[in-house]
C-alpha atoms as a PDB file:
ATOM      1  CA  UNK A   1      10.650  -9.679 -44.408  1.00  0.00           C
ATOM      2  CA  UNK A   2      10.845 -13.073 -44.258  1.00  0.00           C
ATOM      3  CA  UNK A   3       9.056 -15.006 -41.638  1.00  0.00           C
ATOM      4  CA  UNK A   4      10.716 -16.141 -38.524  1.00  0.00           C
ATOM      5  CA  UNK A   5      12.405 -19.185 -39.238  1.00  0.00           C
ATOM      6  CA  UNK A   6      11.272 -20.999 -36.723  1.00  0.00           C
ATOM      7  CA  UNK A   7       8.177 -20.937 -37.722  1.00  0.00           C
ATOM      8  CA  UNK A   8       6.920 -23.299 -40.807  1.00  0.00           C
ATOM      9  CA  UNK A   9       6.038 -21.520 -44.011  1.00  0.00           C
ATOM     10  CA  UNK A  10       2.820 -22.728 -44.436  1.00  0.00           C
ATOM     11  CA  UNK A  11       2.394 -24.871 -47.868  1.00  0.00           C
ATOM     12  CA  UNK A  12       0.597 -25.259 -50.482  1.00  0.00           C
ATOM     13  CA  UNK A  13      -2.513 -27.163 -48.612  1.00  0.00           C
ATOM     14  CA  UNK A  14      -3.668 -25.136 -46.235  1.00  0.00           C
ATOM     15  CA  UNK A  15      -3.511 -26.635 -42.327  1.00  0.00           C
ATOM     16  CA  UNK A  16      -6.439 -28.518 -41.222  1.00  0.00           C
ATOM     17  CA  UNK A  17      -8.222 -27.640 -37.617  1.00  0.00           C
ATOM     18  CA  UNK A  18     -11.150 -29.028 -36.560  1.00  0.00           C
ATOM     19  CA  UNK A  19     -13.471 -27.010 -34.387  1.00  0.00           C
ATOM     20  CA  UNK A  20     -15.893 -28.505 -31.367  1.00  0.00           C
ATOM     21  CA  UNK A  21     -18.733 -26.253 -29.635  1.00  0.00           C
ATOM     22  CA  UNK A  22     -21.086 -23.067 -29.870  1.00  0.00           C
ATOM     23  CA  UNK A  23     -22.324 -21.735 -33.151  1.00  0.00           C
ATOM     24  CA  UNK A  24     -24.787 -19.036 -32.245  1.00  0.00           C
ATOM     25  CA  UNK A  25     -26.194 -15.645 -34.281  1.00  0.00           C
ATOM     26  CA  UNK A  26     -24.722 -11.923 -32.567  1.00  0.00           C
ATOM     27  CA  UNK A  27     -27.235  -8.798 -32.060  1.00  0.00           C
ATOM     28  CA  UNK A  28     -24.535  -6.521 -31.572  1.00  0.00           C
ATOM     29  CA  UNK A  29     -25.321  -3.047 -30.491  1.00  0.00           C
ATOM     30  CA  UNK A  30     -22.757   0.097 -30.291  1.00  0.00           C
ATOM     31  CA  UNK A  31     -23.741   2.723 -26.963  1.00  0.00           C
ATOM     32  CA  UNK A  32     -21.772   5.661 -25.784  1.00  0.00           C
ATOM     33  CA  UNK A  33     -21.329   4.094 -22.285  1.00  0.00           C
ATOM     34  CA  UNK A  34     -23.310   1.104 -20.766  1.00  0.00           C
ATOM     35  CA  UNK A  35     -26.407   1.749 -18.586  1.00  0.00           C
ATOM     36  CA  UNK A  36     -26.095   1.674 -14.774  1.00  0.00           C
ATOM     37  CA  UNK A  37     -29.574   0.883 -13.717  1.00  0.00           C
ATOM     38  CA  UNK A  38     -32.662   0.053 -15.614  1.00  0.00           C
ATOM     39  CA  UNK A  39     -33.040   2.475 -18.496  1.00  0.00           C
ATOM     40  CA  UNK A  40     -33.874   2.747 -22.085  1.00  0.00           C
ATOM     41  CA  UNK A  41     -30.628   3.947 -24.016  1.00  0.00           C
ATOM     42  CA  UNK A  42     -30.304   4.854 -27.614  1.00  0.00           C
ATOM     43  CA  UNK A  43     -27.827   2.780 -29.949  1.00  0.00           C
ATOM     44  CA  UNK A  44     -25.783   4.315 -32.782  1.00  0.00           C
ATOM     45  CA  UNK A  45     -25.092   1.328 -34.430  1.00  0.00           C
ATOM     46  CA  UNK A  46     -26.461  -2.369 -35.009  1.00  0.00           C
ATOM     47  CA  UNK A  47     -24.878  -5.083 -36.794  1.00  0.00           C
ATOM     48  CA  UNK A  48     -25.758  -8.624 -36.949  1.00  0.00           C
ATOM     49  CA  UNK A  49     -23.457 -11.399 -37.343  1.00  0.00           C
ATOM     50  CA  UNK A  50     -22.670 -15.024 -36.677  1.00  0.00           C
ATOM     51  CA  UNK A  51     -20.517 -15.714 -33.502  1.00  0.00           C
ATOM     52  CA  UNK A  52     -19.824 -18.408 -30.801  1.00  0.00           C
ATOM     53  CA  UNK A  53     -16.322 -19.239 -29.792  1.00  0.00           C
ATOM     54  CA  UNK A  54     -15.794 -22.728 -31.817  1.00  0.00           C
ATOM     55  CA  UNK A  55     -17.581 -20.974 -35.305  1.00  0.00           C
ATOM     56  CA  UNK A  56     -15.777 -17.819 -34.443  1.00  0.00           C
ATOM     57  CA  UNK A  57     -12.656 -19.624 -34.646  1.00  0.00           C
ATOM     58  CA  UNK A  58     -13.268 -21.520 -37.344  1.00  0.00           C
ATOM     59  CA  UNK A  59     -13.899 -18.463 -39.378  1.00  0.00           C
ATOM     60  CA  UNK A  60     -10.673 -16.946 -37.990  1.00  0.00           C
ATOM     61  CA  UNK A  61      -8.598 -20.040 -39.298  1.00  0.00           C
ATOM     62  CA  UNK A  62     -10.100 -19.721 -42.735  1.00  0.00           C
ATOM     63  CA  UNK A  63      -9.380 -15.984 -42.652  1.00  0.00           C
ATOM     64  CA  UNK A  64      -5.896 -16.756 -41.536  1.00  0.00           C
ATOM     65  CA  UNK A  65      -5.071 -19.561 -44.474  1.00  0.00           C
ATOM     66  CA  UNK A  66      -6.533 -22.385 -43.133  1.00  0.00           C
ATOM     67  CA  UNK A  67      -8.950 -24.732 -43.818  1.00  0.00           C
ATOM     68  CA  UNK A  68     -11.566 -25.230 -40.838  1.00  0.00           C
ATOM     69  CA  UNK A  69     -14.281 -28.138 -39.867  1.00  0.00           C
ATOM     70  CA  UNK A  70     -17.008 -27.253 -37.563  1.00  0.00           C
ATOM     71  CA  UNK A  71     -18.701 -29.782 -35.531  1.00  0.00           C
ATOM     72  CA  UNK A  72     -21.771 -28.005 -34.232  1.00  0.00           C
ATOM     73  CA  UNK A  73     -25.412 -28.021 -33.149  1.00  0.00           C
ATOM     74  CA  UNK A  74     -28.349 -25.313 -34.484  1.00  0.00           C
ATOM     75  CA  UNK A  75     -32.186 -25.455 -34.377  1.00  0.00           C
ATOM     76  CA  UNK A  76     -34.490 -25.666 -37.489  1.00  0.00           C
ATOM     77  CA  UNK A  77     -35.033 -22.165 -36.685  1.00  0.00           C
ATOM     78  CA  UNK A  78     -34.635 -19.195 -39.360  1.00  0.00           C
ATOM     79  CA  UNK A  79     -31.831 -18.148 -36.620  1.00  0.00           C
ATOM     80  CA  UNK A  80     -29.946 -21.634 -37.607  1.00  0.00           C
ATOM     81  CA  UNK A  81     -30.429 -21.007 -41.347  1.00  0.00           C
ATOM     82  CA  UNK A  82     -28.380 -17.642 -40.975  1.00  0.00           C
ATOM     83  CA  UNK A  83     -25.635 -19.438 -39.348  1.00  0.00           C
ATOM     84  CA  UNK A  84     -24.747 -22.164 -41.235  1.00  0.00           C
ATOM     85  CA  UNK A  85     -25.275 -19.416 -44.371  1.00  0.00           C
ATOM     86  CA  UNK A  86     -22.907 -17.247 -42.869  1.00  0.00           C
ATOM     87  CA  UNK A  87     -20.549 -20.116 -42.252  1.00  0.00           C
ATOM     88  CA  UNK A  88     -20.690 -21.671 -45.615  1.00  0.00           C
ATOM     89  CA  UNK A  89     -20.206 -18.245 -47.234  1.00  0.00           C
ATOM     90  CA  UNK A  90     -16.365 -17.907 -45.155  1.00  0.00           C
ATOM     91  CA  UNK A  91     -15.822 -21.529 -46.435  1.00  0.00           C
ATOM     92  CA  UNK A  92     -15.890 -23.225 -43.538  1.00  0.00           C
ATOM     93  CA  UNK A  93     -16.875 -26.774 -43.681  1.00  0.00           C
ATOM     94  CA  UNK A  94     -20.298 -27.604 -42.120  1.00  0.00           C
ATOM     95  CA  UNK A  95     -20.721 -30.847 -43.453  1.00  0.00           C
ATOM     96  CA  UNK A  96     -20.128 -32.257 -39.377  1.00  0.00           C
ATOM     97  CA  UNK A  97     -23.087 -29.475 -38.530  1.00  0.00           C
ATOM     98  CA  UNK A  98     -26.185 -31.101 -37.377  1.00  0.00           C
ATOM     99  CA  UNK A  99     -29.981 -29.161 -37.671  1.00  0.00           C
ATOM    100  CA  UNK A 100     -31.684 -30.747 -34.777  1.00  0.00           C
ATOM    101  CA  UNK A 101     -35.804 -30.627 -35.019  1.00  0.00           C
ATOM    102  CA  UNK A 102     -37.576 -28.506 -33.088  1.00  0.00           C
ATOM    103  CA  UNK A 103     -34.426 -27.349 -31.353  1.00  0.00           C
ATOM    104  CA  UNK A 104     -34.109 -23.531 -30.461  1.00  0.00           C
ATOM    105  CA  UNK A 105     -30.404 -22.059 -32.058  1.00  0.00           C
ATOM    106  CA  UNK A 106     -28.059 -20.302 -29.666  1.00  0.00           C
ATOM    107  CA  UNK A 107     -28.006 -16.008 -30.134  1.00  0.00           C
ATOM    108  CA  UNK A 108     -26.665 -13.381 -28.394  1.00  0.00           C
ATOM    109  CA  UNK A 109     -27.200  -9.656 -27.494  1.00  0.00           C
ATOM    110  CA  UNK A 110     -24.220  -7.605 -27.688  1.00  0.00           C
ATOM    111  CA  UNK A 111     -24.043  -4.305 -26.583  1.00  0.00           C
ATOM    112  CA  UNK A 112     -19.983  -2.296 -27.144  1.00  0.00           C
ATOM    113  CA  UNK A 113     -19.241   0.770 -25.967  1.00  0.00           C
ATOM    114  CA  UNK A 114     -16.849   3.412 -27.243  1.00  0.00           C
ATOM    115  CA  UNK A 115     -14.355   2.253 -25.440  1.00  0.00           C
ATOM    116  CA  UNK A 116     -14.803  -0.948 -26.725  1.00  0.00           C
ATOM    117  CA  UNK A 117     -15.881  -3.188 -23.853  1.00  0.00           C
ATOM    118  CA  UNK A 118     -18.598  -5.054 -24.281  1.00  0.00           C
ATOM    119  CA  UNK A 119     -21.475  -6.799 -22.573  1.00  0.00           C
ATOM    120  CA  UNK A 120     -23.342 -10.270 -23.568  1.00  0.00           C
ATOM    121  CA  UNK A 121     -26.473 -11.322 -22.538  1.00  0.00           C
ATOM    122  CA  UNK A 122     -26.257 -15.144 -23.952  1.00  0.00           C
ATOM    123  CA  UNK A 123     -28.748 -17.565 -24.975  1.00  0.00           C
ATOM    124  CA  UNK A 124     -27.535 -20.872 -25.149  1.00  0.00           C
ATOM    125  CA  UNK A 125     -29.839 -22.397 -26.998  1.00  0.00           C
ATOM    126  CA  UNK A 126     -32.894 -25.254 -26.330  1.00  0.00           C
ATOM    127  CA  UNK A 127     -32.744 -28.854 -26.976  1.00  0.00           C
ATOM    128  CA  UNK A 128     -29.093 -28.391 -28.219  1.00  0.00           C
ATOM    129  CA  UNK A 129     -27.623 -30.603 -25.525  1.00  0.00           C
ATOM    130  CA  UNK A 130     -27.068 -33.846 -27.533  1.00  0.00           C
ATOM    131  CA  UNK A 131     -24.160 -36.325 -27.741  1.00  0.00           C
ATOM    132  CA  UNK A 132     -22.136 -35.723 -31.127  1.00  0.00           C
ATOM    133  CA  UNK A 133     -21.981 -39.731 -32.024  1.00  0.00           C
ATOM    134  CA  UNK A 134     -22.245 -38.725 -35.450  1.00  0.00           C
ATOM    135  CA  UNK A 135     -18.418 -37.978 -35.803  1.00  0.00           C
ATOM    136  CA  UNK A 136     -16.197 -40.479 -35.552  1.00  0.00           C
ATOM    137  CA  UNK A 137     -12.344 -40.953 -36.107  1.00  0.00           C
ATOM    138  CA  UNK A 138     -12.062 -40.752 -39.484  1.00  0.00           C
ATOM    139  CA  UNK A 139     -14.421 -37.438 -39.334  1.00  0.00           C
ATOM    140  CA  UNK A 140     -10.992 -35.781 -37.892  1.00  0.00           C
ATOM    141  CA  UNK A 141      -8.889 -37.298 -40.951  1.00  0.00           C
ATOM    142  CA  UNK A 142      -6.400 -34.762 -42.286  1.00  0.00           C
ATOM    143  CA  UNK A 143      -6.536 -31.996 -39.063  1.00  0.00           C
ATOM    144  CA  UNK A 144      -3.522 -30.929 -37.414  1.00  0.00           C
ATOM    145  CA  UNK A 145      -5.204 -29.644 -34.649  1.00  0.00           C
ATOM    146  CA  UNK A 146      -8.821 -29.731 -32.965  1.00  0.00           C
ATOM    147  CA  UNK A 147     -10.036 -26.868 -30.941  1.00  0.00           C
ATOM    148  CA  UNK A 148     -12.846 -26.922 -28.505  1.00  0.00           C
ATOM    149  CA  UNK A 149     -15.030 -24.582 -26.414  1.00  0.00           C
ATOM    150  CA  UNK A 150     -16.638 -25.202 -23.399  1.00  0.00           C
ATOM    151  CA  UNK A 151     -20.259 -24.706 -24.070  1.00  0.00           C
ATOM    152  CA  UNK A 152     -20.792 -28.188 -25.762  1.00  0.00           C
ATOM    153  CA  UNK A 153     -19.300 -30.452 -22.769  1.00  0.00           C
ATOM    154  CA  UNK A 154     -20.962 -33.555 -24.460  1.00  0.00           C
ATOM    155  CA  UNK A 155     -19.514 -32.988 -28.025  1.00  0.00           C
ATOM    156  CA  UNK A 156     -16.071 -31.648 -26.786  1.00  0.00           C
ATOM    157  CA  UNK A 157     -15.660 -34.798 -24.298  1.00  0.00           C
ATOM    158  CA  UNK A 158     -15.665 -37.190 -27.291  1.00  0.00           C
ATOM    159  CA  UNK A 159     -14.537 -35.138 -30.131  1.00  0.00           C
ATOM    160  CA  UNK A 160     -11.199 -34.857 -27.857  1.00  0.00           C
ATOM    161  CA  UNK A 161     -10.944 -38.018 -26.956  1.00  0.00           C
ATOM    162  CA  UNK A 162     -11.037 -38.934 -30.757  1.00  0.00           C
ATOM    163  CA  UNK A 163      -8.621 -36.914 -31.294  1.00  0.00           C
ATOM    164  CA  UNK A 164      -6.159 -37.756 -28.595  1.00  0.00           C
ATOM    165  CA  UNK A 165      -6.693 -41.718 -29.902  1.00  0.00           C
ATOM    166  CA  UNK A 166      -5.610 -40.645 -33.388  1.00  0.00           C
ATOM    167  CA  UNK A 167      -2.521 -38.541 -32.141  1.00  0.00           C
ATOM    168  CA  UNK A 168      -4.047 -34.844 -32.995  1.00  0.00           C
ATOM    169  CA  UNK A 169      -3.290 -32.088 -30.950  1.00  0.00           C
ATOM    170  CA  UNK A 170      -5.777 -30.745 -28.917  1.00  0.00           C
ATOM    171  CA  UNK A 171      -6.673 -26.917 -27.923  1.00  0.00           C
ATOM    172  CA  UNK A 172      -9.291 -25.636 -24.751  1.00  0.00           C
ATOM    173  CA  UNK A 173     -10.577 -22.675 -24.960  1.00  0.00           C
ATOM    174  CA  UNK A 174     -11.219 -22.440 -21.179  1.00  0.00           C
ATOM    175  CA  UNK A 175     -14.462 -20.270 -20.368  1.00  0.00           C
ATOM    176  CA  UNK A 176     -17.245 -19.853 -18.048  1.00  0.00           C
ATOM    177  CA  UNK A 177     -19.864 -22.284 -18.884  1.00  0.00           C
ATOM    178  CA  UNK A 178     -23.411 -22.938 -18.322  1.00  0.00           C
ATOM    179  CA  UNK A 179     -22.959 -26.488 -17.777  1.00  0.00           C
ATOM    180  CA  UNK A 180     -21.064 -27.124 -14.298  1.00  0.00           C
ATOM    181  CA  UNK A 181     -19.542 -30.400 -15.239  1.00  0.00           C
ATOM    182  CA  UNK A 182     -17.612 -28.782 -18.682  1.00  0.00           C
ATOM    183  CA  UNK A 183     -14.619 -28.247 -15.601  1.00  0.00           C
ATOM    184  CA  UNK A 184     -14.434 -32.121 -16.496  1.00  0.00           C
ATOM    185  CA  UNK A 185     -13.068 -30.747 -20.381  1.00  0.00           C
ATOM    186  CA  UNK A 186      -9.866 -29.024 -18.511  1.00  0.00           C
ATOM    187  CA  UNK A 187      -8.210 -32.677 -18.099  1.00  0.00           C
ATOM    188  CA  UNK A 188      -8.979 -33.676 -21.852  1.00  0.00           C
ATOM    189  CA  UNK A 189      -6.558 -31.401 -23.634  1.00  0.00           C
ATOM    190  CA  UNK A 190      -2.610 -30.818 -24.976  1.00  0.00           C
ATOM    191  CA  UNK A 191      -2.953 -26.920 -24.538  1.00  0.00           C
ATOM    192  CA  UNK A 192      -5.862 -25.556 -22.099  1.00  0.00           C
ATOM    193  CA  UNK A 193      -6.424 -21.707 -23.146  1.00  0.00           C
ATOM    194  CA  UNK A 194      -8.286 -19.568 -19.977  1.00  0.00           C
ATOM    195  CA  UNK A 195      -9.989 -16.331 -20.208  1.00  0.00           C
ATOM    196  CA  UNK A 196      -8.692 -13.807 -17.746  1.00  0.00           C
ATOM    197  CA  UNK A 197     -11.637 -13.733 -16.067  1.00  0.00           C
ATOM    198  CA  UNK A 198     -12.943 -17.546 -16.455  1.00  0.00           C
ATOM    199  CA  UNK A 199      -9.646 -18.376 -14.765  1.00  0.00           C
ATOM    200  CA  UNK A 200     -10.118 -15.849 -11.564  1.00  0.00           C
ATOM    201  CA  UNK A 201     -14.050 -16.859 -11.089  1.00  0.00           C
ATOM    202  CA  UNK A 202     -12.286 -20.992 -11.228  1.00  0.00           C
ATOM    203  CA  UNK A 203      -9.612 -20.845  -9.418  1.00  0.00           C
ATOM    204  CA  UNK A 204      -9.987 -17.596  -7.033  1.00  0.00           C
ATOM    205  CA  UNK A 205      -6.586 -16.208  -7.664  1.00  0.00           C
ATOM    206  CA  UNK A 206      -7.054 -12.535  -8.955  1.00  0.00           C
ATOM    207  CA  UNK A 207      -3.074 -13.240 -10.035  1.00  0.00           C
ATOM    208  CA  UNK A 208      -3.260 -14.819 -13.479  1.00  0.00           C
ATOM    209  CA  UNK A 209       0.270 -16.684 -12.290  1.00  0.00           C
ATOM    210  CA  UNK A 210      -1.328 -17.853  -9.099  1.00  0.00           C
ATOM    211  CA  UNK A 211      -4.605 -19.187 -11.350  1.00  0.00           C
ATOM    212  CA  UNK A 212      -2.376 -20.857 -13.248  1.00  0.00           C
ATOM    213  CA  UNK A 213      -1.109 -22.930 -10.709  1.00  0.00           C
ATOM    214  CA  UNK A 214      -4.149 -23.531  -9.611  1.00  0.00           C
ATOM    215  CA  UNK A 215      -5.091 -25.206 -13.131  1.00  0.00           C
ATOM    216  CA  UNK A 216      -1.835 -27.276 -13.275  1.00  0.00           C
ATOM    217  CA  UNK A 217      -3.021 -29.848 -11.292  1.00  0.00           C
ATOM    218  CA  UNK A 218      -6.292 -30.083 -13.500  1.00  0.00           C
ATOM    219  CA  UNK A 219      -4.822 -30.105 -17.144  1.00  0.00           C
ATOM    220  CA  UNK A 220      -3.989 -33.557 -18.461  1.00  0.00           C
ATOM    221  CA  UNK A 221      -1.880 -32.070 -21.274  1.00  0.00           C
ATOM    222  CA  UNK A 222       1.786 -30.334 -21.048  1.00  0.00           C
ATOM    223  CA  UNK A 223       0.774 -26.557 -21.457  1.00  0.00           C
ATOM    224  CA  UNK A 224      -1.953 -24.601 -19.175  1.00  0.00           C
ATOM    225  CA  UNK A 225      -2.199 -20.424 -20.530  1.00  0.00           C
ATOM    226  CA  UNK A 226      -4.523 -17.300 -19.683  1.00  0.00           C
ATOM    227  CA  UNK A 227      -4.856 -14.163 -21.935  1.00  0.00           C
ATOM    228  CA  UNK A 228      -4.684 -11.508 -20.347  1.00  0.00           C
ATOM    229  CA  UNK A 229      -5.555  -8.784 -22.920  1.00  0.00           C
ATOM    230  CA  UNK A 230      -2.789  -6.543 -24.176  1.00  0.00           C
ATOM    231  CA  UNK A 231      -0.478  -8.099 -21.702  1.00  0.00           C
ATOM    232  CA  UNK A 232      -0.508 -10.983 -24.076  1.00  0.00           C
ATOM    233  CA  UNK A 233       0.006 -14.656 -23.127  1.00  0.00           C
ATOM    234  CA  UNK A 234       0.911 -16.312 -20.085  1.00  0.00           C
ATOM    235  CA  UNK A 235       1.363 -20.235 -20.201  1.00  0.00           C
ATOM    236  CA  UNK A 236       2.822 -22.921 -17.858  1.00  0.00           C
ATOM    237  CA  UNK A 237       4.606 -25.532 -19.967  1.00  0.00           C
ATOM    238  CA  UNK A 238       5.283 -28.314 -17.214  1.00  0.00           C
ATOM    239  CA  UNK A 239       5.764 -26.122 -14.077  1.00  0.00           C
ATOM    240  CA  UNK A 240       7.673 -23.497 -16.154  1.00  0.00           C
ATOM    241  CA  UNK A 241       6.327 -19.866 -16.767  1.00  0.00           C
ATOM    242  CA  UNK A 242       6.063 -18.311 -19.633  1.00  0.00           C
ATOM    243  CA  UNK A 243       4.826 -15.274 -21.429  1.00  0.00           C
ATOM    244  CA  UNK A 244       4.359 -13.481 -25.253  1.00  0.00           C
ATOM    245  CA  UNK A 245       4.101  -9.635 -25.206  1.00  0.00           C
ATOM    246  CA  UNK A 246       0.453  -8.889 -26.071  1.00  0.00           C
ATOM    247  CA  UNK A 247       0.990  -5.788 -28.919  1.00  0.00           C
ATOM    248  CA  UNK A 248      -1.071  -2.373 -27.269  1.00  0.00           C
ATOM    249  CA  UNK A 249      -3.488  -0.853 -29.679  1.00  0.00           C
ATOM    250  CA  UNK A 250      -6.364   1.090 -29.762  1.00  0.00           C
ATOM    251  CA  UNK A 251      -9.330  -1.042 -29.286  1.00  0.00           C
ATOM    252  CA  UNK A 252     -12.916  -0.189 -30.661  1.00  0.00           C
ATOM    253  CA  UNK A 253     -14.216  -3.412 -30.464  1.00  0.00           C
ATOM    254  CA  UNK A 254     -13.008  -6.682 -28.049  1.00  0.00           C
ATOM    255  CA  UNK A 255     -16.062  -8.737 -28.882  1.00  0.00           C
ATOM    256  CA  UNK A 256     -14.216 -11.723 -30.757  1.00  0.00           C
ATOM    257  CA  UNK A 257     -10.759 -10.991 -29.699  1.00  0.00           C
ATOM    258  CA  UNK A 258     -10.206 -14.284 -28.005  1.00  0.00           C
ATOM    259  CA  UNK A 259     -12.269 -16.540 -30.034  1.00  0.00           C
ATOM    260  CA  UNK A 260      -9.649 -14.936 -32.955  1.00  0.00           C
ATOM    261  CA  UNK A 261      -6.299 -15.652 -30.353  1.00  0.00           C
ATOM    262  CA  UNK A 262      -7.734 -19.642 -30.037  1.00  0.00           C
ATOM    263  CA  UNK A 263      -8.124 -19.937 -33.671  1.00  0.00           C
ATOM    264  CA  UNK A 264      -5.190 -18.565 -34.560  1.00  0.00           C
ATOM    265  CA  UNK A 265      -3.398 -20.200 -31.548  1.00  0.00           C
ATOM    266  CA  UNK A 266      -4.658 -23.902 -33.036  1.00  0.00           C
ATOM    267  CA  UNK A 267      -4.153 -22.628 -36.389  1.00  0.00           C
ATOM    268  CA  UNK A 268      -0.323 -22.498 -35.554  1.00  0.00           C
ATOM    269  CA  UNK A 269      -0.002 -25.458 -33.739  1.00  0.00           C
ATOM    270  CA  UNK A 270      -1.586 -27.590 -36.894  1.00  0.00           C
ATOM    271  CA  UNK A 271       1.067 -25.628 -38.632  1.00  0.00           C
ATOM    272  CA  UNK A 272       3.792 -27.415 -36.660  1.00  0.00           C
ATOM    273  CA  UNK A 273       4.573 -24.226 -34.851  1.00  0.00           C
ATOM    274  CA  UNK A 274       6.372 -23.846 -31.438  1.00  0.00           C
ATOM    275  CA  UNK A 275       3.849 -22.808 -28.616  1.00  0.00           C
ATOM    276  CA  UNK A 276       5.758 -19.063 -28.530  1.00  0.00           C
ATOM    277  CA  UNK A 277       5.570 -18.673 -31.667  1.00  0.00           C
ATOM    278  CA  UNK A 278       1.901 -19.621 -32.107  1.00  0.00           C
ATOM    279  CA  UNK A 279       0.920 -17.743 -28.640  1.00  0.00           C
ATOM    280  CA  UNK A 280       2.909 -14.469 -30.563  1.00  0.00           C
ATOM    281  CA  UNK A 281       1.093 -14.929 -33.807  1.00  0.00           C
ATOM    282  CA  UNK A 282      -2.249 -15.380 -32.145  1.00  0.00           C
ATOM    283  CA  UNK A 283      -1.508 -12.269 -29.861  1.00  0.00           C
ATOM    284  CA  UNK A 284      -0.798  -9.972 -33.098  1.00  0.00           C
ATOM    285  CA  UNK A 285      -4.544 -11.586 -35.198  1.00  0.00           C
ATOM    286  CA  UNK A 286      -6.550 -10.650 -31.654  1.00  0.00           C
ATOM    287  CA  UNK A 287      -4.739  -7.439 -31.539  1.00  0.00           C
ATOM    288  CA  UNK A 288      -5.637  -6.254 -34.998  1.00  0.00           C
ATOM    289  CA  UNK A 289      -9.317  -7.703 -34.686  1.00  0.00           C
ATOM    290  CA  UNK A 290      -9.468  -5.056 -31.171  1.00  0.00           C
ATOM    291  CA  UNK A 291      -9.197  -2.798 -34.082  1.00  0.00           C
ATOM    292  CA  UNK A 292     -12.229  -3.548 -36.083  1.00  0.00           C
ATOM    293  CA  UNK A 293     -15.960  -3.401 -34.966  1.00  0.00           C
ATOM    294  CA  UNK A 294     -18.655  -5.877 -35.262  1.00  0.00           C
ATOM    295  CA  UNK A 295     -16.869  -9.415 -34.186  1.00  0.00           C
ATOM    296  CA  UNK A 296     -15.926 -11.104 -36.919  1.00  0.00           C
ATOM    297  CA  UNK A 297     -16.240  -8.774 -39.786  1.00  0.00           C
ATOM    298  CA  UNK A 298     -13.179  -7.211 -37.737  1.00  0.00           C
ATOM    299  CA  UNK A 299     -11.001 -10.829 -37.881  1.00  0.00           C
ATOM    300  CA  UNK A 300      -7.744 -10.395 -40.523  1.00  0.00           C
ATOM    301  CA  UNK A 301      -6.288 -12.043 -42.797  1.00  0.00           C
ATOM    302  CA  UNK A 302      -2.865 -13.716 -43.303  1.00  0.00           C
ATOM    303  CA  UNK A 303      -1.675 -11.397 -45.273  1.00  0.00           C
ATOM    304  CA  UNK A 304      -2.338  -8.858 -43.031  1.00  0.00           C
ATOM    305  CA  UNK A 305      -1.131 -10.495 -39.640  1.00  0.00           C
ATOM    306  CA  UNK A 306       2.056 -11.958 -41.703  1.00  0.00           C
ATOM    307  CA  UNK A 307       2.866  -7.605 -42.422  1.00  0.00           C
ATOM    308  CA  UNK A 308       2.302  -6.737 -39.249  1.00  0.00           C
ATOM    309  CA  UNK A 309       4.323  -8.887 -37.787  1.00  0.00           C
ATOM    310  CA  UNK A 310       7.058  -8.029 -39.749  1.00  0.00           C
ATOM    311  CA  UNK A 311       6.935  -4.323 -39.402  1.00  0.00           C
ATOM    312  CA  UNK A 312      10.907  -3.798 -37.464  1.00  0.00           C
ATOM    313  CA  UNK A 313       8.286  -2.034 -33.703  1.00  0.00           C
ATOM    314  CA  UNK A 314       6.760  -5.329 -33.541  1.00  0.00           C
ATOM    315  CA  UNK A 315       9.908  -7.559 -33.567  1.00  0.00           C
END
């Protein structure tokens, strides 16, 4: 089945996405169930792989047929070496990453239970909160979209502003942040996409639709949305509510699914897709990832997503 007529077929030159934000290392343990009190529990599996919203989104862009450039920082420590090496192995352009002397890289301890849910203890690093003064407008040349997370407010503020000056579409991964000023980023992007828990926490509204209405006045750009797990994606275009239904799958690991959604969405925007098709493509990529373990290792290839969407049952 040929791709939908309103979704551009990728050219021989991959669409480029510049990603800005967090890059860390995930130490993942698989358990039967989470502990409810102080105790020792035994893991049935262990994995170590790169993490961080912007960095994982960059890997998703690469695996989905795009070209990703990552603006990020790591410390001059073994964790930082591992982070850089893995990203380069995926083909991510890390020329705009900086290794900061005396800094400590970000890392997360991740526990995944047999229902596929995860609990994360995150260390945001030390001495990493610097200005992204090594990034200028020409560094974004060729980018069809810019994606930022909220883990590095100073860097995201600079790069989103540079993108706006150059007329490059911008996407913000609006999730919870240790930086209370990160909420300022909501006013800097064209597409602001909340994680459901983050929207609930920020807005005080349990209903995602009411949460989006709270967010509408705080978002500069025309689109503000929220991922709602297997239910898919909801967004406001102006004041009009839209939805892209999700794909129900048997989830074994939700780690990184939101990051994959953001990377896939940004890539689709860079390819010239309308929001409806970008959301459908991102829903599919995230759903497939949930059927596979170990965060980034489960990110699908472009051919897998296209074949999955071409099935009659997905129409």
